[in-house]
Amino acid sequence: MFQSFEEFLAASRAQIPLVWFIINLSLTAVLSLILSKIYVRYGVSLSNRRLFGRNFLLITMTTMLIITIVKSSLALSLGLVGALSIIRFRAAIKEPEELAYLFLAISIGLGFGANQGLITVIAFFVIAVIVILVKKLSHKTYENQNLHLTISSHNPRKIGVEKIVETLKNHCSAVNLKRLDEANEIVEASFLVEFLDFEQLNEAKMALQQLDEKLKFSFLDD
């Protein structure tokens, strides 16, 4: 039985057409670059989107290569399960949007690796059109919020988020809390804020300094 099972594994190995592999790999690279451009242009993540988007090309092409090789052999499929069981990924995904785009990048690689190029291309462009339309329709909500504001305090018991938000509302035309990280010794909050002029920004800065002289904050153009 062992010999017959060994023969079964050998017989299940299929040849990979080189021409179709090159075509699928090229299309994978093209879609990953388009996905990167969409993420940089329409993403709302506060991290460096351009730097993060560069990873999509490597992720999609690597996924496509793995699936193409693994699907050609049952023995390789079983080996992949054992290999992945000892691998631990420690990527710091800080925002759900980053994870969503990573899943889409992996899906592109899976689709072309499984030789489902037509379905993958159609699905990708449908998703891309929906993402662009949703972002354009919701752009009116954020078009007046022209600055990113990050505030960090090493005395969260004295200055909580409530005081910071209240101070900003008194000196900003619009305040939208986007992210909050809180621990025992530090609190960090990120906002989308709107100022009518530089004088209003300066007043908000002085009001924040009155809360705590050691309060750290930075303004970033949206």
N, C-alpha and C. Protein backbone atom coordinates (compact mmCIF):
# COMPACT_ATOMS: atom_id res chain seq x y z
N MET A 1 0.84 -1.21 0.00
CA MET A 1 0.00 0.00 0.00
C MET A 1 0.87 1.25 0.00
N PHE A 2 2.00 1.19 0.72
CA PHE A 2 2.89 2.34 0.76
C PHE A 2 3.43 2.66 -0.63
N GLN A 3 3.77 1.58 -1.37
CA GLN A 3 4.28 1.79 -2.72
C GLN A 3 3.22 2.37 -3.64
N SER A 4 1.99 1.90 -3.51
CA SER A 4 0.91 2.42 -4.34
C SER A 4 0.60 3.87 -4.01
N PHE A 5 0.66 4.22 -2.75
CA PHE A 5 0.43 5.62 -2.36
C PHE A 5 1.54 6.51 -2.90
N GLU A 6 2.77 6.00 -2.88
CA GLU A 6 3.89 6.75 -3.43
C GLU A 6 3.73 6.96 -4.93
N GLU A 7 3.25 5.92 -5.61
CA GLU A 7 2.99 6.05 -7.04
C GLU A 7 1.87 7.05 -7.31
N PHE A 8 0.88 7.07 -6.41
CA PHE A 8 -0.23 8.01 -6.56
C PHE A 8 0.26 9.45 -6.46
N LEU A 9 1.17 9.70 -5.50
CA LEU A 9 1.73 11.05 -5.36
C LEU A 9 2.53 11.45 -6.58
N ALA A 10 3.28 10.50 -7.13
CA ALA A 10 4.09 10.80 -8.31
C ALA A 10 3.21 11.05 -9.53
N ALA A 11 2.12 10.27 -9.63
CA ALA A 11 1.24 10.42 -10.79
C ALA A 11 0.42 11.69 -10.73
N SER A 12 0.21 12.23 -9.52
CA SER A 12 -0.63 13.42 -9.37
C SER A 12 0.11 14.71 -9.72
N ARG A 13 1.40 14.59 -10.01
CA ARG A 13 2.18 15.78 -10.36
C ARG A 13 1.89 16.18 -11.80
N ALA A 14 1.52 17.43 -11.98
CA ALA A 14 1.17 17.93 -13.32
C ALA A 14 2.20 18.93 -13.79
N GLN A 15 2.37 19.01 -15.11
CA GLN A 15 3.29 19.96 -15.70
C GLN A 15 2.64 21.34 -15.79
N ILE A 16 3.42 22.37 -15.54
CA ILE A 16 2.93 23.74 -15.57
C ILE A 16 3.29 24.36 -16.92
N PRO A 17 2.32 24.76 -17.73
CA PRO A 17 2.63 25.40 -19.03
C PRO A 17 3.39 26.71 -18.81
N LEU A 18 4.57 26.81 -19.37
CA LEU A 18 5.43 27.97 -19.13
C LEU A 18 4.83 29.26 -19.68
N VAL A 19 4.21 29.17 -20.87
CA VAL A 19 3.64 30.37 -21.49
C VAL A 19 2.53 30.95 -20.64
N TRP A 20 1.60 30.09 -20.22
CA TRP A 20 0.49 30.56 -19.39
C TRP A 20 0.97 31.05 -18.03
N PHE A 21 2.02 30.44 -17.52
CA PHE A 21 2.57 30.89 -16.23
C PHE A 21 3.11 32.31 -16.36
N ILE A 22 3.84 32.59 -17.44
CA ILE A 22 4.39 33.93 -17.64
C ILE A 22 3.27 34.95 -17.84
N ILE A 23 2.23 34.56 -18.60
CA ILE A 23 1.10 35.48 -18.82
C ILE A 23 0.39 35.78 -17.51
N ASN A 24 0.11 34.74 -16.72
CA ASN A 24 -0.58 34.94 -15.44
C ASN A 24 0.27 35.76 -14.48
N LEU A 25 1.57 35.50 -14.47
CA LEU A 25 2.45 36.26 -13.59
C LEU A 25 2.50 37.73 -13.98
N SER A 26 2.50 38.00 -15.29
CA SER A 26 2.50 39.39 -15.76
C SER A 26 1.20 40.10 -15.42
N LEU A 27 0.07 39.42 -15.61
CA LEU A 27 -1.22 40.03 -15.27
C LEU A 27 -1.34 40.25 -13.76
N THR A 28 -0.77 39.34 -12.99
CA THR A 28 -0.76 39.52 -11.54
C THR A 28 -0.01 40.78 -11.15
N ALA A 29 1.14 41.00 -11.78
CA ALA A 29 1.93 42.19 -11.49
C ALA A 29 1.17 43.46 -11.89
N VAL A 30 0.51 43.44 -13.04
CA VAL A 30 -0.24 44.62 -13.50
C VAL A 30 -1.37 44.96 -12.53
N LEU A 31 -2.15 43.96 -12.13
CA LEU A 31 -3.27 44.22 -11.21
C LEU A 31 -2.78 44.68 -9.85
N SER A 32 -1.66 44.14 -9.40
CA SER A 32 -1.14 44.56 -8.11
C SER A 32 -0.69 46.01 -8.14
N LEU A 33 -0.11 46.45 -9.26
CA LEU A 33 0.29 47.85 -9.40
C LEU A 33 -0.93 48.77 -9.44
N ILE A 34 -1.98 48.33 -10.14
CA ILE A 34 -3.22 49.11 -10.17
C ILE A 34 -3.81 49.20 -8.77
N LEU A 35 -3.79 48.08 -8.04
CA LEU A 35 -4.31 48.08 -6.67
C LEU A 35 -3.52 49.03 -5.79
N SER A 36 -2.22 49.07 -5.97
CA SER A 36 -1.38 49.98 -5.19
C SER A 36 -1.74 51.43 -5.47
N LYS A 37 -1.97 51.77 -6.74
CA LYS A 37 -2.36 53.14 -7.10
C LYS A 37 -3.71 53.50 -6.48
N ILE A 38 -4.65 52.56 -6.50
CA ILE A 38 -5.97 52.81 -5.92
C ILE A 38 -5.85 53.04 -4.42
N TYR A 39 -5.03 52.23 -3.76
CA TYR A 39 -4.87 52.37 -2.31
C TYR A 39 -4.24 53.71 -1.95
N VAL A 40 -3.22 54.12 -2.71
CA VAL A 40 -2.57 55.40 -2.43
C VAL A 40 -3.52 56.56 -2.68
N ARG A 41 -4.33 56.46 -3.74
CA ARG A 41 -5.20 57.58 -4.13
C ARG A 41 -6.47 57.64 -3.30
N TYR A 42 -7.08 56.52 -3.01
CA TYR A 42 -8.39 56.53 -2.37
C TYR A 42 -8.40 55.96 -0.95
N GLY A 43 -7.27 55.51 -0.45
CA GLY A 43 -7.22 55.02 0.92
C GLY A 43 -7.32 56.17 1.92
N VAL A 44 -7.75 55.84 3.13
CA VAL A 44 -7.87 56.85 4.18
C VAL A 44 -7.01 56.51 5.38
N SER A 45 -6.12 55.55 5.24
CA SER A 45 -5.25 55.16 6.33
C SER A 45 -4.29 56.29 6.67
N LEU A 46 -3.98 56.45 7.96
CA LEU A 46 -3.08 57.51 8.39
C LEU A 46 -1.61 57.13 8.25
N SER A 47 -1.34 55.87 7.95
CA SER A 47 0.04 55.44 7.76
C SER A 47 0.53 55.86 6.37
N ASN A 48 1.79 55.56 6.09
CA ASN A 48 2.37 55.91 4.78
C ASN A 48 1.81 54.95 3.73
N ARG A 49 0.77 55.37 3.03
CA ARG A 49 0.10 54.50 2.08
C ARG A 49 1.00 54.14 0.89
N ARG A 50 1.82 55.09 0.46
CA ARG A 50 2.69 54.81 -0.68
C ARG A 50 3.70 53.72 -0.34
N LEU A 51 4.27 53.78 0.85
CA LEU A 51 5.23 52.76 1.27
C LEU A 51 4.55 51.42 1.49
N PHE A 52 3.36 51.43 2.09
CA PHE A 52 2.63 50.18 2.34
C PHE A 52 2.16 49.55 1.03
N GLY A 53 1.78 50.37 0.06
CA GLY A 53 1.28 49.86 -1.21
C GLY A 53 2.35 49.16 -2.04
N ARG A 54 3.60 49.45 -1.77
CA ARG A 54 4.68 48.78 -2.50
C ARG A 54 4.74 47.28 -2.20
N ASN A 55 4.17 46.87 -1.08
CA ASN A 55 4.20 45.45 -0.71
C ASN A 55 3.25 44.60 -1.55
N PHE A 56 2.25 45.24 -2.19
CA PHE A 56 1.23 44.47 -2.92
C PHE A 56 1.84 43.67 -4.06
N LEU A 57 2.81 44.25 -4.76
CA LEU A 57 3.42 43.55 -5.90
C LEU A 57 4.08 42.25 -5.44
N LEU A 58 4.85 42.31 -4.39
CA LEU A 58 5.54 41.12 -3.89
C LEU A 58 4.55 40.10 -3.34
N ILE A 59 3.51 40.56 -2.64
CA ILE A 59 2.54 39.65 -2.04
C ILE A 59 1.76 38.90 -3.12
N THR A 60 1.26 39.62 -4.11
CA THR A 60 0.44 38.98 -5.14
C THR A 60 1.26 37.99 -5.98
N MET A 61 2.44 38.39 -6.38
CA MET A 61 3.26 37.51 -7.22
C MET A 61 3.75 36.28 -6.44
N THR A 62 4.10 36.47 -5.18
CA THR A 62 4.51 35.33 -4.36
C THR A 62 3.37 34.36 -4.14
N THR A 63 2.18 34.89 -3.85
CA THR A 63 1.01 34.03 -3.66
C THR A 63 0.69 33.25 -4.93
N MET A 64 0.76 33.94 -6.07
CA MET A 64 0.49 33.28 -7.35
C MET A 64 1.49 32.16 -7.60
N LEU A 65 2.78 32.40 -7.31
CA LEU A 65 3.82 31.38 -7.50
C LEU A 65 3.57 30.17 -6.60
N ILE A 66 3.24 30.41 -5.34
CA ILE A 66 3.02 29.30 -4.40
C ILE A 66 1.84 28.45 -4.85
N ILE A 67 0.72 29.09 -5.20
CA ILE A 67 -0.47 28.34 -5.59
C ILE A 67 -0.24 27.56 -6.89
N THR A 68 0.49 28.17 -7.83
CA THR A 68 0.77 27.50 -9.10
C THR A 68 1.59 26.22 -8.88
N ILE A 69 2.60 26.32 -8.03
CA ILE A 69 3.45 25.16 -7.77
C ILE A 69 2.73 24.10 -6.96
N VAL A 70 2.01 24.54 -5.93
CA VAL A 70 1.36 23.60 -5.02
C VAL A 70 0.24 22.83 -5.70
N LYS A 71 -0.51 23.49 -6.57
CA LYS A 71 -1.66 22.82 -7.19
C LYS A 71 -1.23 21.73 -8.17
N SER A 72 0.04 21.74 -8.56
CA SER A 72 0.52 20.74 -9.52
C SER A 72 0.92 19.44 -8.86
N SER A 73 0.95 19.39 -7.53
CA SER A 73 1.41 18.19 -6.86
C SER A 73 0.72 18.05 -5.51
N LEU A 74 0.14 16.88 -5.27
CA LEU A 74 -0.48 16.62 -3.97
C LEU A 74 0.56 16.56 -2.87
N ALA A 75 1.75 16.04 -3.19
CA ALA A 75 2.81 15.96 -2.19
C ALA A 75 3.26 17.36 -1.74
N LEU A 76 3.37 18.29 -2.70
CA LEU A 76 3.73 19.66 -2.35
C LEU A 76 2.65 20.33 -1.53
N SER A 77 1.39 20.00 -1.82
CA SER A 77 0.28 20.57 -1.04
C SER A 77 0.36 20.14 0.41
N LEU A 78 0.64 18.86 0.63
CA LEU A 78 0.78 18.37 1.99
C LEU A 78 2.00 18.98 2.68
N GLY A 79 3.06 19.17 1.92
CA GLY A 79 4.25 19.79 2.49
C GLY A 79 4.03 21.24 2.85
N LEU A 80 3.21 21.95 2.06
CA LEU A 80 2.93 23.35 2.34
C LEU A 80 2.20 23.51 3.66
N VAL A 81 1.28 22.58 3.95
CA VAL A 81 0.54 22.64 5.21
C VAL A 81 1.51 22.55 6.39
N GLY A 82 2.47 21.65 6.30
CA GLY A 82 3.45 21.53 7.38
C GLY A 82 4.35 22.74 7.48
N ALA A 83 4.72 23.31 6.33
CA ALA A 83 5.61 24.48 6.35
C ALA A 83 4.91 25.69 6.96
N LEU A 84 3.66 25.91 6.58
CA LEU A 84 2.94 27.08 7.11
C LEU A 84 2.64 26.95 8.59
N SER A 85 2.60 25.72 9.10
CA SER A 85 2.29 25.52 10.52
C SER A 85 3.41 26.01 11.43
N ILE A 86 4.63 26.17 10.88
CA ILE A 86 5.75 26.63 11.71
C ILE A 86 6.10 28.09 11.44
N ILE A 87 5.36 28.73 10.53
CA ILE A 87 5.62 30.13 10.21
C ILE A 87 4.69 31.02 11.02
N ARG A 88 5.23 32.06 11.60
CA ARG A 88 4.43 33.03 12.37
C ARG A 88 4.65 34.40 11.77
N PHE A 89 3.56 35.04 11.38
CA PHE A 89 3.64 36.38 10.82
C PHE A 89 3.37 37.40 11.93
N ARG A 90 4.23 38.41 12.00
CA ARG A 90 4.10 39.43 13.04
C ARG A 90 3.97 40.82 12.42
N ALA A 91 3.26 40.91 11.31
CA ALA A 91 3.05 42.21 10.67
C ALA A 91 2.10 43.05 11.50
N ALA A 92 2.48 44.31 11.71
CA ALA A 92 1.66 45.21 12.53
C ALA A 92 0.59 45.86 11.65
N ILE A 93 -0.59 45.29 11.64
CA ILE A 93 -1.71 45.86 10.89
C ILE A 93 -2.49 46.75 11.85
N LYS A 94 -2.37 48.06 11.67
CA LYS A 94 -2.95 49.00 12.63
C LYS A 94 -4.37 49.41 12.27
N GLU A 95 -4.75 49.29 11.00
CA GLU A 95 -6.06 49.74 10.58
C GLU A 95 -6.74 48.67 9.72
N PRO A 96 -8.06 48.52 9.85
CA PRO A 96 -8.78 47.49 9.08
C PRO A 96 -8.63 47.66 7.57
N GLU A 97 -8.48 48.89 7.10
CA GLU A 97 -8.35 49.12 5.67
C GLU A 97 -7.10 48.44 5.12
N GLU A 98 -6.01 48.47 5.87
CA GLU A 98 -4.78 47.81 5.42
C GLU A 98 -5.01 46.31 5.25
N LEU A 99 -5.72 45.70 6.19
CA LEU A 99 -6.00 44.27 6.12
C LEU A 99 -6.89 43.95 4.93
N ALA A 100 -7.86 44.81 4.64
CA ALA A 100 -8.77 44.58 3.51
C ALA A 100 -8.01 44.59 2.19
N TYR A 101 -7.09 45.55 2.03
CA TYR A 101 -6.31 45.61 0.79
C TYR A 101 -5.34 44.43 0.70
N LEU A 102 -4.81 43.97 1.82
CA LEU A 102 -3.93 42.81 1.80
C LEU A 102 -4.69 41.56 1.35
N PHE A 103 -5.93 41.40 1.84
CA PHE A 103 -6.75 40.27 1.41
C PHE A 103 -7.02 40.34 -0.09
N LEU A 104 -7.28 41.53 -0.60
CA LEU A 104 -7.52 41.67 -2.03
C LEU A 104 -6.27 41.34 -2.83
N ALA A 105 -5.11 41.76 -2.35
CA ALA A 105 -3.85 41.43 -3.02
C ALA A 105 -3.61 39.93 -3.04
N ILE A 106 -3.87 39.27 -1.92
CA ILE A 106 -3.71 37.82 -1.86
C ILE A 106 -4.71 37.12 -2.77
N SER A 107 -5.93 37.65 -2.84
CA SER A 107 -6.95 37.06 -3.71
C SER A 107 -6.54 37.10 -5.17
N ILE A 108 -5.89 38.19 -5.58
CA ILE A 108 -5.40 38.28 -6.96
C ILE A 108 -4.40 37.16 -7.24
N GLY A 109 -3.47 36.98 -6.32
CA GLY A 109 -2.50 35.91 -6.49
C GLY A 109 -3.12 34.53 -6.49
N LEU A 110 -4.11 34.32 -5.63
CA LEU A 110 -4.81 33.03 -5.60
C LEU A 110 -5.54 32.76 -6.91
N GLY A 111 -6.20 33.79 -7.43
CA GLY A 111 -6.97 33.62 -8.66
C GLY A 111 -6.11 33.23 -9.84
N PHE A 112 -5.02 33.96 -10.04
CA PHE A 112 -4.15 33.64 -11.17
C PHE A 112 -3.37 32.36 -10.92
N GLY A 113 -3.04 32.07 -9.67
CA GLY A 113 -2.36 30.82 -9.37
C GLY A 113 -3.24 29.62 -9.65
N ALA A 114 -4.54 29.76 -9.46
CA ALA A 114 -5.48 28.69 -9.76
C ALA A 114 -5.92 28.70 -11.22
N ASN A 115 -5.28 29.56 -12.03
CA ASN A 115 -5.57 29.66 -13.47
C ASN A 115 -7.01 30.12 -13.73
N GLN A 116 -7.52 31.00 -12.86
CA GLN A 116 -8.84 31.58 -13.03
C GLN A 116 -8.68 33.07 -13.35
N GLY A 117 -7.94 33.34 -14.43
CA GLY A 117 -7.59 34.71 -14.75
C GLY A 117 -8.77 35.59 -15.11
N LEU A 118 -9.70 35.09 -15.92
CA LEU A 118 -10.84 35.90 -16.36
C LEU A 118 -11.70 36.32 -15.19
N ILE A 119 -12.02 35.37 -14.32
CA ILE A 119 -12.84 35.68 -13.15
C ILE A 119 -12.11 36.66 -12.24
N THR A 120 -10.81 36.47 -12.07
CA THR A 120 -10.04 37.35 -11.20
C THR A 120 -10.02 38.78 -11.74
N VAL A 121 -9.81 38.93 -13.05
CA VAL A 121 -9.78 40.27 -13.65
C VAL A 121 -11.13 40.96 -13.52
N ILE A 122 -12.21 40.23 -13.83
CA ILE A 122 -13.55 40.83 -13.74
C ILE A 122 -13.87 41.23 -12.31
N ALA A 123 -13.58 40.34 -11.36
CA ALA A 123 -13.87 40.63 -9.95
C ALA A 123 -13.05 41.82 -9.46
N PHE A 124 -11.79 41.88 -9.88
CA PHE A 124 -10.93 42.98 -9.43
C PHE A 124 -11.46 44.33 -9.90
N PHE A 125 -11.81 44.42 -11.18
CA PHE A 125 -12.26 45.70 -11.70
C PHE A 125 -13.64 46.09 -11.15
N VAL A 126 -14.48 45.11 -10.87
CA VAL A 126 -15.77 45.41 -10.23
C VAL A 126 -15.53 45.98 -8.83
N ILE A 127 -14.65 45.33 -8.07
CA ILE A 127 -14.32 45.82 -6.72
C ILE A 127 -13.68 47.19 -6.79
N ALA A 128 -12.76 47.39 -7.75
CA ALA A 128 -12.09 48.68 -7.87
C ALA A 128 -13.07 49.80 -8.18
N VAL A 129 -14.00 49.55 -9.10
CA VAL A 129 -15.00 50.56 -9.45
C VAL A 129 -15.87 50.90 -8.24
N ILE A 130 -16.28 49.88 -7.50
CA ILE A 130 -17.11 50.11 -6.31
C ILE A 130 -16.35 50.93 -5.28
N VAL A 131 -15.07 50.59 -5.05
CA VAL A 131 -14.26 51.33 -4.07
C VAL A 131 -14.13 52.79 -4.48
N ILE A 132 -13.85 53.04 -5.76
CA ILE A 132 -13.68 54.41 -6.24
C ILE A 132 -14.98 55.21 -6.12
N LEU A 133 -16.10 54.59 -6.50
CA LEU A 133 -17.39 55.28 -6.41
C LEU A 133 -17.75 55.60 -4.96
N VAL A 134 -17.52 54.65 -4.07
CA VAL A 134 -17.83 54.88 -2.64
C VAL A 134 -16.97 56.01 -2.09
N LYS A 135 -15.69 56.03 -2.44
CA LYS A 135 -14.80 57.08 -1.95
C LYS A 135 -15.18 58.44 -2.50
N LYS A 136 -15.57 58.48 -3.77
CA LYS A 136 -15.95 59.76 -4.37
C LYS A 136 -17.26 60.28 -3.77
N LEU A 137 -18.20 59.37 -3.51
CA LEU A 137 -19.47 59.79 -2.94
C LEU A 137 -19.32 60.25 -1.50
N SER A 138 -18.38 59.63 -0.77
CA SER A 138 -18.19 59.99 0.63
C SER A 138 -17.14 61.08 0.79
N HIS A 139 -16.56 61.54 -0.31
CA HIS A 139 -15.50 62.55 -0.22
C HIS A 139 -16.03 63.86 0.33
N LYS A 140 -17.30 64.15 0.09
CA LYS A 140 -17.87 65.41 0.58
C LYS A 140 -17.85 65.49 2.09
N THR A 141 -17.87 64.35 2.75
CA THR A 141 -17.86 64.34 4.21
C THR A 141 -16.52 64.81 4.75
N TYR A 142 -15.43 64.57 4.00
CA TYR A 142 -14.10 64.84 4.51
C TYR A 142 -13.39 65.98 3.79
N GLU A 143 -14.01 66.58 2.78
CA GLU A 143 -13.28 67.55 1.97
C GLU A 143 -12.95 68.81 2.75
N ASN A 144 -13.71 69.13 3.81
CA ASN A 144 -13.41 70.32 4.59
C ASN A 144 -12.47 70.04 5.75
N GLN A 145 -12.20 68.79 6.04
CA GLN A 145 -11.34 68.43 7.15
C GLN A 145 -9.92 68.32 6.61
N ASN A 146 -9.20 69.45 6.66
CA ASN A 146 -8.01 69.57 5.84
C ASN A 146 -6.71 69.25 6.55
N LEU A 147 -6.72 68.81 7.80
CA LEU A 147 -5.49 68.51 8.52
C LEU A 147 -5.64 67.25 9.36
N HIS A 148 -4.56 66.48 9.42
CA HIS A 148 -4.46 65.38 10.37
C HIS A 148 -3.79 65.92 11.64
N LEU A 149 -4.37 65.66 12.77
CA LEU A 149 -3.80 66.10 14.05
C LEU A 149 -3.57 64.88 14.93
N THR A 150 -2.33 64.70 15.37
CA THR A 150 -1.98 63.61 16.27
C THR A 150 -1.54 64.19 17.60
N ILE A 151 -2.18 63.74 18.68
CA ILE A 151 -1.89 64.25 20.02
C ILE A 151 -1.50 63.09 20.91
N SER A 152 -0.42 63.25 21.67
CA SER A 152 0.02 62.23 22.62
C SER A 152 0.28 62.88 23.97
N SER A 153 -0.16 62.19 25.02
CA SER A 153 0.00 62.68 26.38
C SER A 153 0.53 61.56 27.25
N HIS A 154 1.51 61.89 28.09
CA HIS A 154 2.07 60.90 29.01
C HIS A 154 1.43 60.99 30.39
N ASN A 155 0.34 61.72 30.47
CA ASN A 155 -0.40 61.83 31.73
C ASN A 155 -1.89 61.67 31.44
N PRO A 156 -2.32 60.45 31.06
CA PRO A 156 -3.72 60.25 30.66
C PRO A 156 -4.72 60.47 31.79
N ARG A 157 -4.28 60.32 33.05
CA ARG A 157 -5.21 60.53 34.17
C ARG A 157 -5.56 62.01 34.33
N LYS A 158 -4.60 62.87 34.00
CA LYS A 158 -4.85 64.31 34.12
C LYS A 158 -5.58 64.85 32.89
N ILE A 159 -5.15 64.40 31.73
CA ILE A 159 -5.74 64.88 30.48
C ILE A 159 -6.29 63.68 29.71
N GLY A 160 -7.59 63.57 29.71
CA GLY A 160 -8.22 62.49 28.97
C GLY A 160 -8.63 62.92 27.58
N VAL A 161 -9.16 62.00 26.84
CA VAL A 161 -9.60 62.30 25.48
C VAL A 161 -10.75 63.30 25.48
N GLU A 162 -11.59 63.22 26.51
CA GLU A 162 -12.74 64.13 26.58
C GLU A 162 -12.30 65.59 26.61
N LYS A 163 -11.26 65.90 27.41
CA LYS A 163 -10.78 67.28 27.49
C LYS A 163 -10.16 67.72 26.16
N ILE A 164 -9.45 66.83 25.53
CA ILE A 164 -8.82 67.17 24.25
C ILE A 164 -9.88 67.46 23.19
N VAL A 165 -10.89 66.60 23.12
CA VAL A 165 -11.95 66.79 22.13
C VAL A 165 -12.72 68.08 22.42
N GLU A 166 -13.00 68.34 23.67
CA GLU A 166 -13.73 69.56 24.03
C GLU A 166 -12.93 70.81 23.65
N THR A 167 -11.62 70.78 23.88
CA THR A 167 -10.77 71.91 23.52
C THR A 167 -10.73 72.11 22.01
N LEU A 168 -10.63 71.03 21.28
CA LEU A 168 -10.59 71.14 19.81
C LEU A 168 -11.90 71.68 19.26
N LYS A 169 -13.01 71.23 19.82
CA LYS A 169 -14.31 71.70 19.33
C LYS A 169 -14.48 73.20 19.53
N ASN A 170 -13.82 73.75 20.55
CA ASN A 170 -13.93 75.19 20.81
C ASN A 170 -13.10 76.03 19.83
N HIS A 171 -12.15 75.38 19.15
CA HIS A 171 -11.26 76.15 18.29
C HIS A 171 -11.18 75.62 16.86
N CYS A 172 -11.92 74.58 16.55
CA CYS A 172 -11.91 74.00 15.21
C CYS A 172 -13.29 74.05 14.60
N SER A 173 -13.35 74.18 13.31
CA SER A 173 -14.64 74.18 12.61
C SER A 173 -15.23 72.78 12.53
N ALA A 174 -14.36 71.76 12.54
CA ALA A 174 -14.82 70.36 12.47
C ALA A 174 -13.78 69.47 13.14
N VAL A 175 -14.24 68.48 13.88
CA VAL A 175 -13.36 67.54 14.58
C VAL A 175 -13.91 66.13 14.37
N ASN A 176 -13.04 65.24 13.92
CA ASN A 176 -13.45 63.85 13.70
C ASN A 176 -12.36 62.93 14.23
N LEU A 177 -12.67 62.18 15.29
CA LEU A 177 -11.70 61.25 15.87
C LEU A 177 -11.56 60.03 14.97
N LYS A 178 -10.32 59.74 14.54
CA LYS A 178 -10.06 58.64 13.63
C LYS A 178 -9.41 57.45 14.30
N ARG A 179 -8.62 57.69 15.33
CA ARG A 179 -7.89 56.59 15.97
C ARG A 179 -7.55 56.97 17.39
N LEU A 180 -7.61 55.97 18.29
CA LEU A 180 -7.30 56.20 19.70
C LEU A 180 -6.52 55.02 20.24
N ASP A 181 -5.32 55.29 20.77
CA ASP A 181 -4.49 54.29 21.44
C ASP A 181 -4.29 54.74 22.88
N GLU A 182 -4.67 53.90 23.82
CA GLU A 182 -4.61 54.29 25.23
C GLU A 182 -3.98 53.18 26.05
N ALA A 183 -3.04 53.57 26.92
CA ALA A 183 -2.37 52.64 27.83
C ALA A 183 -2.30 53.29 29.21
N ASN A 184 -1.60 52.63 30.14
CA ASN A 184 -1.54 53.14 31.50
C ASN A 184 -0.76 54.45 31.59
N GLU A 185 0.27 54.59 30.75
CA GLU A 185 1.14 55.75 30.87
C GLU A 185 1.09 56.69 29.68
N ILE A 186 0.32 56.35 28.67
CA ILE A 186 0.28 57.22 27.49
C ILE A 186 -1.06 57.07 26.78
N VAL A 187 -1.51 58.15 26.18
CA VAL A 187 -2.69 58.13 25.33
C VAL A 187 -2.36 58.88 24.04
N GLU A 188 -2.71 58.31 22.92
CA GLU A 188 -2.43 58.93 21.62
C GLU A 188 -3.70 58.90 20.79
N ALA A 189 -4.05 60.05 20.24
CA ALA A 189 -5.28 60.17 19.46
C ALA A 189 -4.98 60.88 18.15
N SER A 190 -5.66 60.44 17.09
CA SER A 190 -5.52 61.05 15.77
C SER A 190 -6.87 61.60 15.33
N PHE A 191 -6.86 62.81 14.80
CA PHE A 191 -8.08 63.50 14.40
C PHE A 191 -7.96 64.00 12.98
N LEU A 192 -9.11 64.17 12.35
CA LEU A 192 -9.23 64.98 11.15
C LEU A 192 -9.91 66.28 11.57
N VAL A 193 -9.23 67.40 11.35
CA VAL A 193 -9.73 68.68 11.84
C VAL A 193 -9.75 69.70 10.70
N GLU A 194 -10.57 70.72 10.91
CA GLU A 194 -10.68 71.81 9.92
C GLU A 194 -10.46 73.14 10.61
N PHE A 195 -9.61 73.97 10.01
CA PHE A 195 -9.38 75.34 10.48
C PHE A 195 -9.72 76.30 9.36
N LEU A 196 -10.39 77.38 9.71
CA LEU A 196 -10.74 78.38 8.71
C LEU A 196 -9.54 79.21 8.29
N ASP A 197 -8.62 79.46 9.24
CA ASP A 197 -7.42 80.23 8.92
C ASP A 197 -6.31 79.85 9.90
N PHE A 198 -5.15 80.45 9.70
CA PHE A 198 -4.00 80.13 10.55
C PHE A 198 -4.20 80.62 11.98
N GLU A 199 -4.93 81.71 12.14
CA GLU A 199 -5.17 82.25 13.48
C GLU A 199 -5.94 81.23 14.32
N GLN A 200 -6.91 80.59 13.72
CA GLN A 200 -7.68 79.58 14.44
C GLN A 200 -6.80 78.39 14.82
N LEU A 201 -5.90 78.01 13.95
CA LEU A 201 -4.97 76.92 14.26
C LEU A 201 -4.06 77.31 15.43
N ASN A 202 -3.58 78.55 15.43
CA ASN A 202 -2.70 79.00 16.50
C ASN A 202 -3.44 79.04 17.83
N GLU A 203 -4.70 79.43 17.83
CA GLU A 203 -5.49 79.44 19.06
C GLU A 203 -5.69 78.03 19.60
N ALA A 204 -5.93 77.08 18.70
CA ALA A 204 -6.09 75.69 19.13
C ALA A 204 -4.79 75.16 19.71
N LYS A 205 -3.68 75.53 19.11
CA LYS A 205 -2.37 75.08 19.61
C LYS A 205 -2.11 75.62 21.02
N MET A 206 -2.40 76.89 21.26
CA MET A 206 -2.18 77.47 22.58
C MET A 206 -3.13 76.87 23.61
N ALA A 207 -4.35 76.57 23.20
CA ALA A 207 -5.31 75.95 24.12
C ALA A 207 -4.86 74.55 24.52
N LEU A 208 -4.29 73.83 23.59
CA LEU A 208 -3.78 72.49 23.91
C LEU A 208 -2.58 72.57 24.84
N GLN A 209 -1.73 73.56 24.65
CA GLN A 209 -0.56 73.73 25.51
C GLN A 209 -0.97 74.11 26.93
N GLN A 210 -2.10 74.81 27.07
CA GLN A 210 -2.59 75.17 28.40
C GLN A 210 -3.08 73.94 29.17
N LEU A 211 -3.52 72.94 28.46
CA LEU A 211 -3.93 71.70 29.14
C LEU A 211 -2.74 71.02 29.79
N ASP A 212 -1.63 70.98 29.07
CA ASP A 212 -0.42 70.35 29.59
C ASP A 212 0.75 70.84 28.75
N GLU A 213 1.79 71.40 29.42
CA GLU A 213 2.95 71.90 28.70
C GLU A 213 3.72 70.77 28.01
N LYS A 214 3.62 69.55 28.53
CA LYS A 214 4.34 68.41 27.96
C LYS A 214 3.53 67.68 26.89
N LEU A 215 2.36 68.21 26.57
CA LEU A 215 1.51 67.58 25.55
C LEU A 215 2.19 67.68 24.19
N LYS A 216 2.26 66.58 23.47
CA LYS A 216 2.88 66.54 22.16
C LYS A 216 1.80 66.44 21.08
N PHE A 217 1.92 67.25 20.05
CA PHE A 217 0.96 67.20 18.97
C PHE A 217 1.65 67.56 17.66
N SER A 218 1.10 67.06 16.56
CA SER A 218 1.65 67.35 15.24
C SER A 218 0.50 67.51 14.26
N PHE A 219 0.66 68.46 13.34
CA PHE A 219 -0.31 68.70 12.29
C PHE A 219 0.27 68.21 10.96
N LEU A 220 -0.56 67.52 10.19
CA LEU A 220 -0.12 66.97 8.91
C LEU A 220 -1.16 67.29 7.86
N ASP A 221 -0.71 67.79 6.72
CA ASP A 221 -1.62 68.12 5.64
C ASP A 221 -2.29 66.85 5.12
N ASP A 222 -3.61 66.92 4.92
CA ASP A 222 -4.35 65.78 4.41
C ASP A 222 -4.07 65.55 2.95
